[in-house]
Amino acid sequence: MEKRSFYADQHIHTSFSGDSDTPPELQIEKAIELGMERICFTDHHDYDVVSDIDFNLDIPRYFEEMRRLKEKYSGTIKICTGIELGLQAHLGDYLAKTAAEYDFDFIIGSVHFVDGLDPYYPEYFDRNSDNAYEHYFDTVLDCIEKIKCYDSLGHLDYIVRYGAKLGYSYSYGQFAEYIDPILKRVIADGKALECNSGGLSRGLLEPNPCTDILRRYGELGGELVTLGSDAHEPDTLGCCFERCGEILKSCGFKYYAVYENRQPKMYNL
């Protein structure tokens, strides 16, 4: 196993994502300042959604810029090219084709839209007031049963970032019957589970997913975990990584996975 310096951030957004204005170079400079030896850009690509934000990634232009930055920062920091694919069950063929067409180092699979609605907006909870969390987790399971072209499942309990603000109670124990099948599928498919510090940087007391889910993943035999900040601006890049590392170690993990050419390499926590 490789000895680490500062944890590598493998979930970073830039102005290539519709919800960020941050130039990629600012994220790189922040990573260098923190002492990271490598990072991976994972800008959004949520295809076939209705939103006031354009989440379609211009992939050819993105790769062109990544090539320029890799050359500019060669010898200073390792830059990997990734993508955060928005998973929707009906997009299996399209997403598989996209993943195969380009030489990504790392692909995060995340569920942001459920029945066309992003839980970021209260309308999702208005429509699903009786089963908001259950329906979200059912949708995640349906997506990963049908889509296999990702490497790590992103922010499994993403919905709690917004449900908590609206007073929806949440714990792993409340929804274990919905979450355990997701974890078992991730493990059976040889995928990783992301520990996303975005929950902490957004004011929650836990990362996404929460500690109890991470612990349960290990209990079920899960070994592959990735670390990502979900940073849309430099101030949150690498945010709370030391705390996430301690959480993962408390759950029994000794290593985290860093992906290059779609293959994991294990580093000490």
Protein backbone atom coordinates (compact mmCIF):
# COMPACT_ATOMS: atom_id res chain seq x y z
CA MET A 1 0.00 0.00 0.00
CA GLU A 2 1.10 3.55 -0.72
CA LYS A 3 1.91 5.97 2.07
CA ARG A 4 -0.17 9.12 1.78
CA SER A 5 0.57 12.79 2.12
CA PHE A 6 -2.71 14.76 2.22
CA TYR A 7 -5.70 12.73 1.11
CA ALA A 8 -6.43 12.91 -2.62
CA ASP A 9 -9.68 14.69 -3.50
CA GLN A 10 -11.63 12.71 -6.08
CA HIS A 11 -14.83 14.72 -6.30
CA ILE A 12 -14.20 18.26 -7.54
CA HIS A 13 -16.33 20.60 -9.65
CA THR A 14 -15.35 23.56 -11.80
CA SER A 15 -16.90 25.99 -14.25
CA PHE A 16 -17.41 22.99 -16.53
CA SER A 17 -20.28 22.11 -14.16
CA GLY A 18 -23.45 24.12 -14.53
CA ASP A 19 -23.56 24.91 -10.81
CA SER A 20 -19.99 26.20 -10.41
CA ASP A 21 -18.14 29.31 -11.56
CA THR A 22 -14.70 28.17 -10.38
CA PRO A 23 -11.93 27.97 -13.01
CA PRO A 24 -10.15 24.59 -12.83
CA GLU A 25 -6.80 26.25 -12.12
CA LEU A 26 -8.10 27.71 -8.87
CA GLN A 27 -9.01 24.23 -7.68
CA ILE A 28 -5.55 22.98 -8.66
CA GLU A 29 -3.81 25.79 -6.80
CA LYS A 30 -5.88 25.07 -3.69
CA ALA A 31 -4.98 21.37 -3.86
CA ILE A 32 -1.27 22.25 -4.13
CA GLU A 33 -1.62 24.62 -1.17
CA LEU A 34 -3.12 21.77 0.89
CA GLY A 35 -0.27 19.45 -0.02
CA MET A 36 -2.19 17.07 -2.25
CA GLU A 37 -0.11 15.00 -4.63
CA ARG A 38 -3.07 14.25 -6.90
CA ILE A 39 -6.66 15.28 -7.60
CA CYS A 40 -9.43 14.18 -9.92
CA PHE A 41 -11.90 16.54 -11.59
CA THR A 42 -15.41 15.09 -11.76
CA ASP A 43 -17.67 17.65 -13.36
CA HIS A 44 -21.39 17.03 -13.64
CA HIS A 45 -23.06 15.29 -16.54
CA ASP A 46 -26.77 14.92 -15.83
CA TYR A 47 -28.30 14.10 -19.20
CA ASP A 48 -32.00 14.26 -20.02
CA VAL A 49 -33.16 16.39 -17.11
CA VAL A 50 -35.35 19.47 -16.98
CA SER A 51 -33.59 22.12 -14.93
CA ASP A 52 -32.88 25.83 -14.94
CA ILE A 53 -29.20 24.80 -14.80
CA ASP A 54 -27.49 23.12 -17.74
CA PHE A 55 -25.84 20.00 -16.33
CA ASN A 56 -24.64 18.66 -19.68
CA LEU A 57 -20.86 18.49 -19.75
CA ASP A 58 -19.08 19.56 -22.93
CA ILE A 59 -16.84 16.51 -22.80
CA PRO A 60 -14.53 17.21 -25.80
CA ARG A 61 -13.78 20.73 -24.55
CA TYR A 62 -13.34 19.38 -21.03
CA PHE A 63 -10.71 16.88 -22.16
CA GLU A 64 -8.93 19.57 -24.15
CA GLU A 65 -8.63 21.72 -21.03
CA MET A 66 -7.56 18.75 -18.91
CA ARG A 67 -4.74 18.00 -21.34
CA ARG A 68 -3.56 21.61 -21.10
CA LEU A 69 -3.62 21.58 -17.32
CA LYS A 70 -1.87 18.22 -17.05
CA GLU A 71 0.95 19.61 -19.16
CA LYS A 72 1.13 22.89 -17.24
CA TYR A 73 1.24 21.22 -13.81
CA SER A 74 3.32 18.21 -14.78
CA GLY A 75 5.77 17.43 -12.00
CA THR A 76 3.79 19.50 -9.48
CA ILE A 77 0.54 17.59 -9.02
CA LYS A 78 -1.06 14.57 -10.67
CA ILE A 79 -4.31 15.57 -12.42
CA CYS A 80 -6.81 12.85 -13.27
CA THR A 81 -9.85 13.29 -15.48
CA GLY A 82 -13.16 12.05 -14.17
CA ILE A 83 -16.85 12.69 -14.47
CA GLU A 84 -19.89 12.56 -12.22
CA LEU A 85 -22.58 10.79 -14.19
CA GLY A 86 -26.15 11.45 -13.14
CA LEU A 87 -27.72 8.00 -12.93
CA GLN A 88 -31.23 7.47 -14.25
CA ALA A 89 -32.40 3.93 -14.93
CA HIS A 90 -33.60 4.66 -18.47
CA LEU A 91 -30.18 6.03 -19.48
CA GLY A 92 -28.23 2.79 -19.14
CA ASP A 93 -27.24 2.48 -22.80
CA TYR A 94 -26.40 6.17 -23.18
CA LEU A 95 -24.26 6.28 -20.05
CA ALA A 96 -22.41 3.08 -20.95
CA LYS A 97 -21.63 4.51 -24.40
CA THR A 98 -20.40 7.78 -22.88
CA ALA A 99 -18.18 5.96 -20.38
CA ALA A 100 -16.67 3.78 -23.11
CA GLU A 101 -16.13 6.59 -25.61
CA TYR A 102 -13.74 8.63 -23.46
CA ASP A 103 -10.63 7.78 -21.45
CA PHE A 104 -11.82 8.75 -17.99
CA ASP A 105 -9.68 7.88 -15.01
CA PHE A 106 -12.62 7.75 -12.64
CA ILE A 107 -16.41 7.78 -12.88
CA ILE A 108 -18.70 8.66 -10.01
CA GLY A 109 -22.28 7.47 -10.33
CA SER A 110 -24.73 9.70 -8.47
CA VAL A 111 -28.50 10.00 -8.27
CA HIS A 112 -29.53 13.65 -8.35
CA PHE A 113 -32.92 13.41 -10.06
CA VAL A 114 -35.86 11.23 -9.04
CA ASP A 115 -38.88 11.24 -11.35
CA GLY A 116 -37.43 14.38 -12.89
CA LEU A 117 -37.07 16.23 -9.58
CA ASP A 118 -33.88 17.07 -7.70
CA PRO A 119 -34.33 16.83 -3.88
CA TYR A 120 -32.37 20.09 -3.78
CA TYR A 121 -35.76 21.69 -4.43
CA PRO A 122 -38.64 21.46 -1.89
CA GLU A 123 -40.96 20.33 -4.68
CA TYR A 124 -39.48 16.83 -4.42
CA PHE A 125 -40.56 16.61 -0.79
CA ASP A 126 -43.95 18.14 -1.54
CA ARG A 127 -44.58 15.39 -4.09
CA ASN A 128 -43.19 12.61 -1.88
CA SER A 129 -44.14 13.85 1.58
CA ASP A 130 -45.00 10.38 2.91
CA ASN A 131 -42.00 8.46 1.57
CA ALA A 132 -39.36 10.95 0.46
CA TYR A 133 -36.35 8.98 1.67
CA GLU A 134 -37.73 5.55 0.83
CA HIS A 135 -38.47 6.58 -2.75
CA TYR A 136 -35.03 8.09 -3.15
CA PHE A 137 -33.24 4.94 -1.94
CA ASP A 138 -35.48 2.73 -4.09
CA THR A 139 -34.47 4.84 -7.08
CA VAL A 140 -30.77 4.52 -6.25
CA LEU A 141 -31.10 0.73 -6.09
CA ASP A 142 -32.98 0.61 -9.39
CA CYS A 143 -30.28 2.69 -11.05
CA ILE A 144 -27.31 0.62 -9.89
CA GLU A 145 -29.06 -2.61 -10.72
CA LYS A 146 -29.35 -1.42 -14.33
CA ILE A 147 -26.21 0.73 -14.73
CA LYS A 148 -22.70 -0.67 -14.23
CA CYS A 149 -20.45 1.90 -15.93
CA TYR A 150 -19.44 3.76 -12.76
CA ASP A 151 -16.57 3.19 -10.31
CA SER A 152 -17.84 4.70 -7.06
CA LEU A 153 -21.37 5.40 -5.85
CA GLY A 154 -21.50 9.08 -4.98
CA HIS A 155 -23.02 10.56 -1.80
CA LEU A 156 -25.44 7.68 -1.20
CA ASP A 157 -27.66 9.67 1.18
CA TYR A 158 -27.45 12.91 -0.82
CA ILE A 159 -31.13 13.54 -0.10
CA VAL A 160 -30.53 14.19 3.60
CA ARG A 161 -28.64 17.39 2.77
CA TYR A 162 -31.98 18.92 1.89
CA GLY A 163 -34.48 16.80 3.80
CA ALA A 164 -32.87 17.67 7.12
CA LYS A 165 -33.48 21.36 6.49
CA LEU A 166 -37.17 20.64 5.99
CA GLY A 167 -37.48 18.65 9.20
CA TYR A 168 -37.43 15.13 7.75
CA SER A 169 -35.86 12.82 10.32
CA TYR A 170 -33.14 10.46 9.17
CA SER A 171 -30.85 7.74 10.42
CA TYR A 172 -29.44 4.57 8.94
CA GLY A 173 -31.57 2.53 11.35
CA GLN A 174 -34.78 4.10 10.10
CA PHE A 175 -34.07 3.13 6.49
CA ALA A 176 -31.79 0.10 6.79
CA GLU A 177 -34.18 -2.11 4.83
CA TYR A 178 -33.79 0.27 1.87
CA ILE A 179 -30.08 0.99 2.26
CA ASP A 180 -28.69 -2.51 2.85
CA PRO A 181 -29.72 -3.78 -0.62
CA ILE A 182 -27.84 -0.82 -2.14
CA LEU A 183 -24.69 -1.65 -0.19
CA LYS A 184 -24.92 -5.32 -1.10
CA ARG A 185 -25.29 -4.46 -4.80
CA VAL A 186 -22.30 -2.09 -4.69
CA ILE A 187 -20.18 -4.84 -3.13
CA ALA A 188 -21.41 -7.56 -5.49
CA ASP A 189 -20.60 -5.38 -8.50
CA GLY A 190 -17.07 -4.59 -7.27
CA LYS A 191 -17.79 -0.87 -7.01
CA ALA A 192 -16.57 1.60 -4.40
CA LEU A 193 -18.63 3.64 -1.96
CA GLU A 194 -17.79 7.31 -1.73
CA CYS A 195 -17.23 9.07 1.59
CA ASN A 196 -18.28 12.58 0.60
CA SER A 197 -17.36 15.38 3.00
CA GLY A 198 -19.94 17.67 1.42
CA GLY A 199 -22.42 16.96 4.19
CA LEU A 200 -19.94 18.29 6.74
CA SER A 201 -19.03 21.36 4.70
CA ARG A 202 -22.74 22.11 4.30
CA GLY A 203 -23.38 22.18 8.03
CA LEU A 204 -24.51 18.62 8.70
CA LEU A 205 -22.94 16.56 11.48
CA GLU A 206 -22.06 13.67 9.16
CA PRO A 207 -20.48 13.07 5.76
CA ASN A 208 -22.52 11.48 2.97
CA PRO A 209 -23.21 8.70 3.58
CA CYS A 210 -23.36 8.85 7.36
CA THR A 211 -21.02 6.94 9.65
CA ASP A 212 -23.50 4.14 10.37
CA ILE A 213 -23.84 3.42 6.64
CA LEU A 214 -20.07 3.39 6.16
CA ARG A 215 -19.74 0.99 9.10
CA ARG A 216 -22.48 -1.26 7.73
CA TYR A 217 -20.77 -1.30 4.32
CA GLY A 218 -17.63 -2.65 5.99
CA GLU A 219 -19.62 -5.19 7.99
CA LEU A 220 -21.15 -6.50 4.78
CA GLY A 221 -17.70 -6.96 3.26
CA GLY A 222 -17.22 -3.67 1.44
CA GLU A 223 -13.57 -2.67 1.10
CA LEU A 224 -13.41 0.01 -1.59
CA VAL A 225 -14.02 3.56 -0.35
CA THR A 226 -13.18 6.81 -2.12
CA LEU A 227 -12.84 10.31 -0.67
CA GLY A 228 -14.32 13.43 -2.22
CA SER A 229 -15.18 16.92 -1.07
CA ASP A 230 -17.81 17.70 -3.72
CA ALA A 231 -16.15 21.11 -3.82
CA HIS A 232 -17.67 23.68 -6.16
CA GLU A 233 -15.27 26.37 -4.95
CA PRO A 234 -11.72 26.27 -3.55
CA ASP A 235 -12.78 27.00 0.03
CA THR A 236 -14.35 23.55 0.39
CA LEU A 237 -11.80 21.51 -1.56
CA GLY A 238 -10.45 18.84 0.78
CA CYS A 239 -12.77 20.12 3.50
CA CYS A 240 -13.00 17.91 6.61
CA PHE A 241 -10.87 15.17 5.06
CA GLU A 242 -8.98 14.48 8.28
CA ARG A 243 -12.30 14.00 10.06
CA CYS A 244 -13.53 11.70 7.29
CA GLY A 245 -10.32 9.71 7.57
CA GLU A 246 -10.90 9.25 11.29
CA ILE A 247 -14.51 8.22 10.67
CA LEU A 248 -13.42 5.62 8.10
CA LYS A 249 -10.78 4.24 10.46
CA SER A 250 -13.35 4.04 13.27
CA CYS A 251 -15.50 1.96 10.91
CA GLY A 252 -12.65 -0.51 10.40
CA PHE A 253 -11.21 0.73 7.11
CA LYS A 254 -7.43 0.93 6.74
CA TYR A 255 -7.21 2.13 3.15
CA TYR A 256 -8.98 4.30 0.63
CA ALA A 257 -8.99 3.84 -3.13
CA VAL A 258 -7.60 6.25 -5.71
CA TYR A 259 -8.57 5.59 -9.32
CA GLU A 260 -6.49 5.98 -12.45
CA ASN A 261 -7.44 4.48 -15.83
CA ARG A 262 -10.57 3.17 -14.06
CA GLN A 263 -8.46 1.00 -11.75
CA PRO A 264 -8.20 1.43 -7.95
CA LYS A 265 -4.95 1.81 -6.08
CA MET A 266 -5.08 1.55 -2.29
CA TYR A 267 -3.58 4.22 -0.04
CA ASN A 268 -3.24 4.24 3.75
CA LEU A 269 -5.83 6.24 5.64
